[in-house]
Amino acid sequence: MVNTSGLATSATKDRFIVKYRIGTTERVSPSVIQSTLDRRASTFPARARHLRRLGAGADIITADRKLNRKEARTFMQNIASDRNVEYVEVDTPMHIDAIPNDSNYSMQWGYTPNAGTYYVTLSAFTNVSGVSPAVSITQ
């Protein structure tokens, strides 16, 4: 499956999320992914490189240059033509647009420090000041 919704803007793209099917060698070994990309290089509009594996099991594949909309679509379709690929989509940055306005925010557990418990500093995730906060899980 190819999810082209990330191509809706006119911006050029060079990062793609690719998830390989369970039970495939690519799902087990990132080095196999790079070998597969190298073997199929002639079908891509740019050189492809495996960047890293995501926590959800998908992988980030990068192109060696920014691809326009048409090139990105071709790139994604060529990757998706591999029967071991479950899906391909553009790695689109997501941004927070607002701070939550939940009136029960103070009553929710796990957002503030309590003795001996783990908590998430959620306010860092909702910082819209333009600074990219680091994730903080603390005990």
N, C-alpha and C. Protein backbone atom coordinates (compact mmCIF):
# COMPACT_ATOMS: atom_id res chain seq x y z
N MET A 1 0.83 -1.17 0.00
CA MET A 1 0.00 0.00 0.00
C MET A 1 0.88 1.25 0.00
N VAL A 2 0.51 2.21 -0.77
CA VAL A 2 1.23 3.48 -0.83
C VAL A 2 0.30 4.57 -0.32
N ASN A 3 0.71 5.25 0.75
CA ASN A 3 -0.07 6.36 1.29
C ASN A 3 0.55 7.64 0.76
N THR A 4 -0.11 8.26 -0.20
CA THR A 4 0.43 9.46 -0.84
C THR A 4 -0.09 10.76 -0.23
N SER A 5 -0.80 10.68 0.89
CA SER A 5 -1.36 11.90 1.49
C SER A 5 -0.25 12.89 1.89
N GLY A 6 0.93 12.40 2.18
CA GLY A 6 2.05 13.28 2.53
C GLY A 6 2.61 14.04 1.33
N LEU A 7 2.14 13.72 0.14
CA LEU A 7 2.58 14.41 -1.07
C LEU A 7 1.65 15.55 -1.44
N ALA A 8 0.67 15.84 -0.59
CA ALA A 8 -0.33 16.86 -0.90
C ALA A 8 0.28 18.26 -1.03
N THR A 9 1.35 18.51 -0.32
CA THR A 9 1.99 19.83 -0.41
C THR A 9 2.98 19.83 -1.56
N SER A 10 3.41 21.01 -1.96
CA SER A 10 4.37 21.11 -3.06
C SER A 10 5.81 20.95 -2.59
N ALA A 11 6.00 20.77 -1.29
CA ALA A 11 7.36 20.64 -0.75
C ALA A 11 8.02 19.36 -1.27
N THR A 12 9.32 19.41 -1.41
CA THR A 12 10.06 18.22 -1.84
C THR A 12 10.28 17.30 -0.64
N LYS A 13 10.47 16.02 -0.91
CA LYS A 13 10.57 14.99 0.13
C LYS A 13 11.83 14.17 -0.06
N ASP A 14 12.42 13.75 1.08
CA ASP A 14 13.57 12.85 0.98
C ASP A 14 13.56 11.76 2.06
N ARG A 15 12.49 11.71 2.88
CA ARG A 15 12.39 10.69 3.93
C ARG A 15 11.04 9.99 3.82
N PHE A 16 11.11 8.65 3.93
CA PHE A 16 9.92 7.84 3.76
C PHE A 16 9.88 6.76 4.84
N ILE A 17 8.67 6.43 5.29
CA ILE A 17 8.47 5.37 6.27
C ILE A 17 8.04 4.13 5.50
N VAL A 18 8.76 3.05 5.71
CA VAL A 18 8.46 1.79 5.03
C VAL A 18 8.32 0.71 6.09
N LYS A 19 7.21 -0.01 6.05
CA LYS A 19 7.02 -1.13 6.97
C LYS A 19 7.01 -2.42 6.18
N TYR A 20 7.86 -3.34 6.61
CA TYR A 20 7.95 -4.64 5.97
C TYR A 20 7.05 -5.64 6.68
N ARG A 21 6.55 -6.59 5.93
CA ARG A 21 5.63 -7.58 6.49
C ARG A 21 6.31 -8.46 7.54
N ILE A 22 5.53 -8.88 8.51
CA ILE A 22 6.02 -9.80 9.55
C ILE A 22 6.46 -11.09 8.88
N GLY A 23 7.61 -11.60 9.32
CA GLY A 23 8.13 -12.85 8.77
C GLY A 23 9.11 -12.67 7.63
N THR A 24 9.32 -11.44 7.17
CA THR A 24 10.27 -11.20 6.08
C THR A 24 11.66 -10.96 6.66
N THR A 25 12.68 -11.21 5.85
CA THR A 25 14.05 -10.99 6.32
C THR A 25 14.32 -9.51 6.56
N GLU A 26 13.67 -8.65 5.78
CA GLU A 26 13.84 -7.20 5.97
C GLU A 26 13.33 -6.77 7.34
N ARG A 27 12.28 -7.42 7.82
CA ARG A 27 11.71 -7.07 9.13
C ARG A 27 12.67 -7.46 10.25
N VAL A 28 13.48 -8.48 10.01
CA VAL A 28 14.41 -8.98 11.02
C VAL A 28 15.73 -8.22 11.00
N SER A 29 16.21 -7.87 9.81
CA SER A 29 17.56 -7.32 9.67
C SER A 29 17.61 -6.07 8.81
N PRO A 30 17.93 -4.92 9.40
CA PRO A 30 18.08 -3.69 8.61
C PRO A 30 19.14 -3.78 7.52
N SER A 31 20.16 -4.61 7.70
CA SER A 31 21.20 -4.72 6.66
C SER A 31 20.63 -5.35 5.39
N VAL A 32 19.64 -6.21 5.54
CA VAL A 32 18.97 -6.81 4.38
C VAL A 32 18.20 -5.73 3.62
N ILE A 33 17.63 -4.76 4.35
CA ILE A 33 16.90 -3.66 3.70
C ILE A 33 17.83 -2.90 2.78
N GLN A 34 19.03 -2.56 3.27
CA GLN A 34 19.96 -1.81 2.44
C GLN A 34 20.38 -2.63 1.22
N SER A 35 20.60 -3.91 1.39
CA SER A 35 20.95 -4.78 0.25
C SER A 35 19.83 -4.77 -0.78
N THR A 36 18.59 -4.85 -0.32
CA THR A 36 17.43 -4.82 -1.22
C THR A 36 17.36 -3.49 -1.96
N LEU A 37 17.56 -2.39 -1.24
CA LEU A 37 17.54 -1.07 -1.87
C LEU A 37 18.64 -0.94 -2.91
N ASP A 38 19.83 -1.45 -2.60
CA ASP A 38 20.95 -1.38 -3.54
C ASP A 38 20.66 -2.19 -4.80
N ARG A 39 20.06 -3.37 -4.65
CA ARG A 39 19.73 -4.22 -5.80
C ARG A 39 18.70 -3.55 -6.71
N ARG A 40 17.80 -2.77 -6.14
CA ARG A 40 16.72 -2.15 -6.91
C ARG A 40 17.03 -0.70 -7.27
N ALA A 41 18.27 -0.27 -7.10
CA ALA A 41 18.65 1.14 -7.30
C ALA A 41 18.27 1.69 -8.67
N SER A 42 18.34 0.88 -9.69
CA SER A 42 18.06 1.38 -11.04
C SER A 42 16.58 1.76 -11.23
N THR A 43 15.71 1.31 -10.35
CA THR A 43 14.28 1.63 -10.47
C THR A 43 13.89 2.89 -9.70
N PHE A 44 14.82 3.45 -8.94
CA PHE A 44 14.52 4.63 -8.12
C PHE A 44 15.04 5.90 -8.79
N PRO A 45 14.36 7.03 -8.58
CA PRO A 45 14.83 8.30 -9.15
C PRO A 45 16.03 8.88 -8.39
N ALA A 46 16.37 8.30 -7.22
CA ALA A 46 17.51 8.75 -6.43
C ALA A 46 18.03 7.56 -5.63
N ARG A 47 19.26 7.66 -5.18
CA ARG A 47 19.84 6.58 -4.36
C ARG A 47 19.12 6.52 -3.02
N ALA A 48 18.76 5.31 -2.60
CA ALA A 48 18.03 5.11 -1.35
C ALA A 48 18.96 4.53 -0.28
N ARG A 49 18.73 4.96 0.96
CA ARG A 49 19.56 4.49 2.08
C ARG A 49 18.67 4.23 3.28
N HIS A 50 18.91 3.10 3.95
CA HIS A 50 18.20 2.79 5.19
C HIS A 50 18.80 3.66 6.28
N LEU A 51 17.96 4.47 6.93
CA LEU A 51 18.44 5.37 7.98
C LEU A 51 18.36 4.73 9.35
N ARG A 52 17.16 4.26 9.73
CA ARG A 52 17.01 3.64 11.05
C ARG A 52 15.67 2.94 11.15
N ARG A 53 15.56 2.11 12.17
CA ARG A 53 14.31 1.41 12.48
C ARG A 53 13.56 2.20 13.55
N LEU A 54 12.27 2.32 13.38
CA LEU A 54 11.42 3.00 14.35
C LEU A 54 10.95 2.02 15.42
N GLY A 55 10.53 2.54 16.55
CA GLY A 55 10.03 1.70 17.63
C GLY A 55 8.82 0.88 17.25
N ALA A 56 8.03 1.35 16.31
CA ALA A 56 6.82 0.64 15.88
C ALA A 56 7.12 -0.46 14.86
N GLY A 57 8.40 -0.63 14.50
CA GLY A 57 8.77 -1.71 13.58
C GLY A 57 8.95 -1.30 12.14
N ALA A 58 8.56 -0.09 11.80
CA ALA A 58 8.78 0.40 10.43
C ALA A 58 10.19 0.97 10.33
N ASP A 59 10.60 1.33 9.13
CA ASP A 59 11.94 1.85 8.90
C ASP A 59 11.89 3.18 8.17
N ILE A 60 12.90 4.02 8.41
CA ILE A 60 13.05 5.28 7.68
C ILE A 60 14.02 5.02 6.53
N ILE A 61 13.56 5.31 5.33
CA ILE A 61 14.38 5.20 4.12
C ILE A 61 14.55 6.62 3.59
N THR A 62 15.79 6.99 3.28
CA THR A 62 16.04 8.33 2.76
C THR A 62 16.51 8.26 1.31
N ALA A 63 16.21 9.32 0.59
CA ALA A 63 16.73 9.49 -0.76
C ALA A 63 17.93 10.43 -0.65
N ASP A 64 18.90 10.31 -1.53
CA ASP A 64 20.11 11.13 -1.42
C ASP A 64 19.89 12.57 -1.87
N ARG A 65 18.68 12.88 -2.32
CA ARG A 65 18.34 14.26 -2.67
C ARG A 65 16.84 14.44 -2.48
N LYS A 66 16.40 15.68 -2.43
CA LYS A 66 14.97 15.99 -2.31
C LYS A 66 14.28 15.60 -3.62
N LEU A 67 13.14 14.95 -3.49
CA LEU A 67 12.38 14.51 -4.66
C LEU A 67 11.14 15.37 -4.82
N ASN A 68 10.85 15.75 -6.06
CA ASN A 68 9.60 16.48 -6.29
C ASN A 68 8.44 15.49 -6.15
N ARG A 69 7.23 16.00 -6.28
CA ARG A 69 6.05 15.18 -6.05
C ARG A 69 6.01 13.95 -6.95
N LYS A 70 6.28 14.14 -8.23
CA LYS A 70 6.24 13.03 -9.19
C LYS A 70 7.32 11.99 -8.87
N GLU A 71 8.54 12.46 -8.59
CA GLU A 71 9.64 11.54 -8.26
C GLU A 71 9.36 10.79 -6.96
N ALA A 72 8.82 11.49 -5.98
CA ALA A 72 8.52 10.85 -4.69
C ALA A 72 7.46 9.76 -4.87
N ARG A 73 6.45 10.03 -5.68
CA ARG A 73 5.41 9.03 -5.94
C ARG A 73 6.02 7.80 -6.63
N THR A 74 6.87 8.03 -7.62
CA THR A 74 7.55 6.93 -8.31
C THR A 74 8.41 6.13 -7.34
N PHE A 75 9.16 6.84 -6.50
CA PHE A 75 10.01 6.21 -5.50
C PHE A 75 9.18 5.32 -4.58
N MET A 76 8.08 5.86 -4.07
CA MET A 76 7.22 5.12 -3.15
C MET A 76 6.58 3.91 -3.84
N GLN A 77 6.12 4.08 -5.06
CA GLN A 77 5.50 2.97 -5.79
C GLN A 77 6.51 1.86 -6.07
N ASN A 78 7.74 2.24 -6.39
CA ASN A 78 8.77 1.23 -6.64
C ASN A 78 9.11 0.45 -5.38
N ILE A 79 9.17 1.13 -4.26
CA ILE A 79 9.42 0.43 -2.99
C ILE A 79 8.24 -0.48 -2.67
N ALA A 80 7.02 0.03 -2.84
CA ALA A 80 5.81 -0.75 -2.53
C ALA A 80 5.62 -1.95 -3.45
N SER A 81 6.25 -1.95 -4.60
CA SER A 81 6.11 -3.09 -5.53
C SER A 81 6.80 -4.34 -5.00
N ASP A 82 7.65 -4.19 -3.98
CA ASP A 82 8.28 -5.34 -3.33
C ASP A 82 7.20 -6.04 -2.49
N ARG A 83 6.98 -7.33 -2.72
CA ARG A 83 5.91 -8.05 -2.01
C ARG A 83 6.15 -8.13 -0.51
N ASN A 84 7.36 -7.86 -0.05
CA ASN A 84 7.65 -7.87 1.38
C ASN A 84 7.25 -6.57 2.08
N VAL A 85 6.88 -5.56 1.31
CA VAL A 85 6.52 -4.26 1.88
C VAL A 85 5.03 -4.25 2.22
N GLU A 86 4.74 -3.86 3.46
CA GLU A 86 3.34 -3.72 3.89
C GLU A 86 2.80 -2.36 3.49
N TYR A 87 3.57 -1.29 3.75
CA TYR A 87 3.14 0.05 3.33
C TYR A 87 4.33 0.99 3.22
N VAL A 88 4.11 2.08 2.49
CA VAL A 88 5.09 3.16 2.32
C VAL A 88 4.34 4.47 2.47
N GLU A 89 4.93 5.42 3.19
CA GLU A 89 4.36 6.76 3.31
C GLU A 89 5.47 7.77 3.49
N VAL A 90 5.16 9.02 3.24
CA VAL A 90 6.13 10.10 3.43
C VAL A 90 6.33 10.29 4.94
N ASP A 91 7.56 10.50 5.35
CA ASP A 91 7.85 10.83 6.75
C ASP A 91 7.57 12.31 6.92
N THR A 92 6.37 12.63 7.31
CA THR A 92 5.91 14.01 7.42
C THR A 92 6.05 14.51 8.84
N PRO A 93 6.74 15.62 9.06
CA PRO A 93 6.85 16.16 10.42
C PRO A 93 5.47 16.58 10.94
N MET A 94 5.22 16.29 12.19
CA MET A 94 3.98 16.70 12.85
C MET A 94 4.32 17.77 13.86
N HIS A 95 3.44 18.75 14.00
CA HIS A 95 3.67 19.86 14.92
C HIS A 95 2.45 20.05 15.81
N ILE A 96 2.70 20.43 17.03
CA ILE A 96 1.62 20.73 17.97
C ILE A 96 1.09 22.11 17.66
N ASP A 97 -0.22 22.22 17.55
CA ASP A 97 -0.83 23.51 17.24
C ASP A 97 -1.40 24.23 18.46
N ALA A 98 -1.64 23.50 19.54
CA ALA A 98 -2.26 24.14 20.70
C ALA A 98 -1.96 23.35 21.97
N ILE A 99 -2.10 24.01 23.09
CA ILE A 99 -1.97 23.36 24.40
C ILE A 99 -3.34 22.78 24.75
N PRO A 100 -3.38 21.55 25.29
CA PRO A 100 -4.68 20.96 25.64
C PRO A 100 -5.47 21.86 26.59
N ASN A 101 -6.79 21.90 26.40
CA ASN A 101 -7.63 22.70 27.27
C ASN A 101 -8.55 21.81 28.11
N ASP A 102 -8.07 20.65 28.48
CA ASP A 102 -8.83 19.69 29.26
C ASP A 102 -9.03 20.22 30.68
N SER A 103 -10.26 20.45 31.07
CA SER A 103 -10.52 20.99 32.41
C SER A 103 -10.19 19.99 33.51
N ASN A 104 -10.06 18.71 33.17
CA ASN A 104 -9.71 17.69 34.16
C ASN A 104 -8.23 17.29 34.10
N TYR A 105 -7.43 18.11 33.45
CA TYR A 105 -6.00 17.82 33.30
C TYR A 105 -5.34 17.54 34.65
N SER A 106 -5.64 18.33 35.66
CA SER A 106 -4.99 18.18 36.99
C SER A 106 -5.41 16.89 37.68
N MET A 107 -6.48 16.27 37.25
CA MET A 107 -6.97 15.04 37.89
C MET A 107 -6.39 13.78 37.23
N GLN A 108 -5.70 13.93 36.11
CA GLN A 108 -5.17 12.78 35.41
C GLN A 108 -3.87 12.31 36.05
N TRP A 109 -3.67 11.00 36.09
CA TRP A 109 -2.48 10.45 36.71
C TRP A 109 -1.36 10.35 35.68
N GLY A 110 -0.14 10.31 36.17
CA GLY A 110 1.02 10.10 35.32
C GLY A 110 1.63 11.34 34.72
N TYR A 111 1.09 12.53 35.03
CA TYR A 111 1.62 13.76 34.47
C TYR A 111 2.39 14.59 35.48
N THR A 112 2.28 14.26 36.74
CA THR A 112 2.97 15.02 37.78
C THR A 112 3.73 14.06 38.68
N PRO A 113 4.82 14.52 39.32
CA PRO A 113 5.61 13.62 40.16
C PRO A 113 4.89 13.24 41.45
N ASN A 114 4.90 11.95 41.73
CA ASN A 114 4.42 11.40 43.00
C ASN A 114 5.52 10.50 43.52
N ALA A 115 5.62 10.36 44.82
CA ALA A 115 6.69 9.56 45.42
C ALA A 115 6.71 8.14 44.86
N GLY A 116 7.86 7.75 44.27
CA GLY A 116 8.07 6.39 43.81
C GLY A 116 7.36 6.00 42.53
N THR A 117 6.78 6.94 41.80
CA THR A 117 6.09 6.58 40.56
C THR A 117 6.77 7.23 39.37
N TYR A 118 6.52 6.65 38.21
CA TYR A 118 7.03 7.24 36.97
C TYR A 118 6.01 8.25 36.47
N TYR A 119 6.47 9.29 35.83
CA TYR A 119 5.56 10.27 35.28
C TYR A 119 6.14 10.86 34.01
N VAL A 120 5.28 11.47 33.22
CA VAL A 120 5.66 12.09 31.97
C VAL A 120 5.48 13.59 32.12
N THR A 121 6.49 14.36 31.73
CA THR A 121 6.34 15.82 31.78
C THR A 121 5.59 16.26 30.53
N LEU A 122 4.27 16.11 30.58
CA LEU A 122 3.42 16.39 29.43
C LEU A 122 3.52 17.83 28.98
N SER A 123 3.77 18.74 29.90
CA SER A 123 3.85 20.15 29.51
C SER A 123 4.96 20.36 28.48
N ALA A 124 5.99 19.54 28.51
CA ALA A 124 7.06 19.65 27.51
C ALA A 124 6.55 19.27 26.12
N PHE A 125 5.62 18.31 26.06
CA PHE A 125 5.08 17.90 24.77
C PHE A 125 4.17 18.97 24.19
N THR A 126 3.57 19.78 25.04
CA THR A 126 2.61 20.78 24.56
C THR A 126 3.22 22.16 24.49
N ASN A 127 4.53 22.26 24.54
CA ASN A 127 5.23 23.53 24.44
C ASN A 127 5.12 24.04 23.01
N VAL A 128 4.46 25.14 22.79
CA VAL A 128 4.31 25.67 21.45
C VAL A 128 5.16 26.93 21.24
N SER A 129 6.21 27.06 22.02
CA SER A 129 7.06 28.25 21.94
C SER A 129 8.03 28.20 20.78
N GLY A 130 8.08 27.06 20.07
CA GLY A 130 9.02 26.94 18.97
C GLY A 130 10.27 26.17 19.35
N VAL A 131 10.46 25.89 20.63
CA VAL A 131 11.61 25.12 21.08
C VAL A 131 11.22 23.65 21.04
N SER A 132 12.10 22.80 20.56
CA SER A 132 11.81 21.37 20.50
C SER A 132 12.24 20.73 21.81
N PRO A 133 11.29 20.44 22.70
CA PRO A 133 11.64 19.85 24.00
C PRO A 133 12.02 18.39 23.85
N ALA A 134 12.83 17.91 24.79
CA ALA A 134 13.18 16.51 24.82
C ALA A 134 12.11 15.77 25.62
N VAL A 135 11.91 14.51 25.31
CA VAL A 135 10.96 13.69 26.08
C VAL A 135 11.59 13.41 27.43
N SER A 136 10.80 13.55 28.48
CA SER A 136 11.31 13.32 29.82
C SER A 136 10.38 12.38 30.57
N ILE A 137 10.85 11.16 30.82
CA ILE A 137 10.13 10.23 31.66
C ILE A 137 10.98 10.05 32.90
N THR A 138 10.44 10.39 34.04
CA THR A 138 11.21 10.51 35.27
C THR A 138 10.61 9.68 36.38
N GLN A 139 11.44 9.29 37.32
CA GLN A 139 10.94 8.63 38.52
C GLN A 139 11.21 9.50 39.71
